[in-house]
Structure formats: C-alpha cells, structure tokens
C-alpha cells in the first residue's frame, strides 16, 4: 500500500470514529438531560417555564458539540490540510 492510500484510508477511518463518538455522546447527553427535565417537571409542575427554557438552552449547547464534530470531520474528509504535505 502506498503512503498516499494509507494516509487517505487512515484519515477516513479516523473521521468515521470521530463522527460516531461525536454523535453518540451528545445523543446520550440529550437523553439524560431530557429525562432529568421530565423528573423535575413531575416534582414541580409550576416551574414548567423555567425548566423548559433551561432545557432548550442546554439542548442547543449539546447539539452544537455534535455540529462542531461534523464540521471537523467534513474538513478532514474533503479538504484535509495534511494532504498538501503528503503531496510534496
């Protein structure tokens, strides 16, 4: 296997691992935070507005982690900055 094909294969495998971890962990965090919000709503239904507002802000922050991971993986797959050094 040449150096170029090994580099492309290893960067693709690294991107697959990164996207799988980068999507799985925020999904688990979202599920955990939603379940905790449901528990809080069942204990204090009168605090629904503040719990819901805090939940949506937290979910947006968690989702941004998955989006950042997706952006980095797309950069690695389609415009790998290390590929320039491999071609020289």
C-alpha atoms as a PDB file:
ATOM      1  CA  UNK A   1       0.000   0.000   0.000  1.00  0.00           C
ATOM      2  CA  UNK A   2       1.429   3.361  -0.948  1.00  0.00           C
ATOM      3  CA  UNK A   3       1.835   6.217   1.503  1.00  0.00           C
ATOM      4  CA  UNK A   4      -0.959   8.223  -0.111  1.00  0.00           C
ATOM      5  CA  UNK A   5      -3.552   5.449   0.022  1.00  0.00           C
ATOM      6  CA  UNK A   6      -2.571   4.621   3.611  1.00  0.00           C
ATOM      7  CA  UNK A   7      -2.955   8.281   4.565  1.00  0.00           C
ATOM      8  CA  UNK A   8      -6.362   8.576   2.925  1.00  0.00           C
ATOM      9  CA  UNK A   9      -7.558   5.312   4.465  1.00  0.00           C
ATOM     10  CA  UNK A  10      -6.351   6.247   7.939  1.00  0.00           C
ATOM     11  CA  UNK A  11      -7.890   9.725   7.758  1.00  0.00           C
ATOM     12  CA  UNK A  12     -11.205   8.198   6.625  1.00  0.00           C
ATOM     13  CA  UNK A  13     -11.169   5.705   9.496  1.00  0.00           C
ATOM     14  CA  UNK A  14     -10.306   8.487  11.945  1.00  0.00           C
ATOM     15  CA  UNK A  15     -13.190  10.576  10.566  1.00  0.00           C
ATOM     16  CA  UNK A  16     -15.593   7.644  10.972  1.00  0.00           C
ATOM     17  CA  UNK A  17     -14.522   7.102  14.564  1.00  0.00           C
ATOM     18  CA  UNK A  18     -14.749  10.815  15.320  1.00  0.00           C
ATOM     19  CA  UNK A  19     -18.231  11.205  13.884  1.00  0.00           C
ATOM     20  CA  UNK A  20     -19.519   8.096  15.628  1.00  0.00           C
ATOM     21  CA  UNK A  21     -18.230   9.241  19.027  1.00  0.00           C
ATOM     22  CA  UNK A  22     -19.107  12.861  18.308  1.00  0.00           C
ATOM     23  CA  UNK A  23     -22.735  11.990  17.626  1.00  0.00           C
ATOM     24  CA  UNK A  24     -23.208   9.198  20.145  1.00  0.00           C
ATOM     25  CA  UNK A  25     -22.077  11.092  23.240  1.00  0.00           C
ATOM     26  CA  UNK A  26     -24.203  14.225  22.652  1.00  0.00           C
ATOM     27  CA  UNK A  27     -27.194  11.962  21.946  1.00  0.00           C
ATOM     28  CA  UNK A  28     -26.699  10.248  25.291  1.00  0.00           C
ATOM     29  CA  UNK A  29     -26.331  13.630  27.000  1.00  0.00           C
ATOM     30  CA  UNK A  30     -29.529  14.872  25.361  1.00  0.00           C
ATOM     31  CA  UNK A  31     -31.460  11.828  26.507  1.00  0.00           C
ATOM     32  CA  UNK A  32     -30.110  12.176  30.022  1.00  0.00           C
ATOM     33  CA  UNK A  33     -30.973  15.882  30.224  1.00  0.00           C
ATOM     34  CA  UNK A  34     -34.476  15.333  28.860  1.00  0.00           C
ATOM     35  CA  UNK A  35     -35.126  12.581  31.407  1.00  0.00           C
ATOM     36  CA  UNK A  36     -33.890  14.836  34.228  1.00  0.00           C
ATOM     37  CA  UNK A  37     -36.115  17.649  32.958  1.00  0.00           C
ATOM     38  CA  UNK A  38     -39.110  15.309  32.962  1.00  0.00           C
ATOM     39  CA  UNK A  39     -38.304  14.304  36.546  1.00  0.00           C
ATOM     40  CA  UNK A  40     -38.049  17.974  37.527  1.00  0.00           C
ATOM     41  CA  UNK A  41     -41.379  18.722  35.831  1.00  0.00           C
ATOM     42  CA  UNK A  42     -43.059  15.870  37.665  1.00  0.00           C
ATOM     43  CA  UNK A  43     -41.795  17.192  41.011  1.00  0.00           C
ATOM     44  CA  UNK A  44     -42.511  20.870  40.346  1.00  0.00           C
ATOM     45  CA  UNK A  45     -45.075  21.402  37.590  1.00  0.00           C
ATOM     46  CA  UNK A  46     -45.397  25.085  38.485  1.00  0.00           C
ATOM     47  CA  UNK A  47     -41.772  25.692  37.367  1.00  0.00           C
ATOM     48  CA  UNK A  48     -42.503  24.476  33.843  1.00  0.00           C
ATOM     49  CA  UNK A  49     -41.440  27.661  32.053  1.00  0.00           C
ATOM     50  CA  UNK A  50     -38.024  27.964  33.675  1.00  0.00           C
ATOM     51  CA  UNK A  51     -37.291  24.234  33.392  1.00  0.00           C
ATOM     52  CA  UNK A  52     -38.280  24.199  29.724  1.00  0.00           C
ATOM     53  CA  UNK A  53     -36.231  27.304  28.964  1.00  0.00           C
ATOM     54  CA  UNK A  54     -33.154  25.870  30.687  1.00  0.00           C
ATOM     55  CA  UNK A  55     -33.696  22.537  28.927  1.00  0.00           C
ATOM     56  CA  UNK A  56     -33.793  24.115  25.473  1.00  0.00           C
ATOM     57  CA  UNK A  57     -30.684  26.208  26.136  1.00  0.00           C
ATOM     58  CA  UNK A  58     -28.858  23.113  27.356  1.00  0.00           C
ATOM     59  CA  UNK A  59     -30.004  21.045  24.378  1.00  0.00           C
ATOM     60  CA  UNK A  60     -28.775  23.749  21.992  1.00  0.00           C
ATOM     61  CA  UNK A  61     -25.361  23.713  23.669  1.00  0.00           C
ATOM     62  CA  UNK A  62     -25.175  19.922  23.482  1.00  0.00           C
ATOM     63  CA  UNK A  63     -26.241  19.917  19.833  1.00  0.00           C
ATOM     64  CA  UNK A  64     -23.563  22.470  18.981  1.00  0.00           C
ATOM     65  CA  UNK A  65     -20.918  19.929  20.066  1.00  0.00           C
ATOM     66  CA  UNK A  66     -22.219  17.442  17.517  1.00  0.00           C
ATOM     67  CA  UNK A  67     -22.275  20.112  14.821  1.00  0.00           C
ATOM     68  CA  UNK A  68     -18.672  21.119  15.575  1.00  0.00           C
ATOM     69  CA  UNK A  69     -17.644  17.487  15.302  1.00  0.00           C
ATOM     70  CA  UNK A  70     -19.435  17.199  11.961  1.00  0.00           C
ATOM     71  CA  UNK A  71     -17.660  20.295  10.627  1.00  0.00           C
ATOM     72  CA  UNK A  72     -14.232  18.986  11.627  1.00  0.00           C
ATOM     73  CA  UNK A  73     -14.955  15.578  10.069  1.00  0.00           C
ATOM     74  CA  UNK A  74     -16.081  17.200   6.817  1.00  0.00           C
ATOM     75  CA  UNK A  75     -12.903  19.263   6.735  1.00  0.00           C
ATOM     76  CA  UNK A  76     -10.805  16.132   7.262  1.00  0.00           C
ATOM     77  CA  UNK A  77     -12.666  14.210   4.568  1.00  0.00           C
ATOM     78  CA  UNK A  78     -12.963  16.807   1.833  1.00  0.00           C
ATOM     79  CA  UNK A  79     -10.191  19.344   2.454  1.00  0.00           C
ATOM     80  CA  UNK A  80      -7.570  17.636   4.530  1.00  0.00           C
ATOM     81  CA  UNK A  81      -4.928  20.210   5.462  1.00  0.00           C
ATOM     82  CA  UNK A  82      -2.278  17.498   5.889  1.00  0.00           C
ATOM     83  CA  UNK A  83      -2.752  16.275   2.326  1.00  0.00           C
ATOM     84  CA  UNK A  84      -0.645  19.163   0.993  1.00  0.00           C
ATOM     85  CA  UNK A  85       2.357  17.879   2.947  1.00  0.00           C
ATOM     86  CA  UNK A  86       1.856  14.353   1.667  1.00  0.00           C
ATOM     87  CA  UNK A  87       1.906  15.543  -1.957  1.00  0.00           C
ATOM     88  CA  UNK A  88       5.259  17.346  -1.576  1.00  0.00           C
END
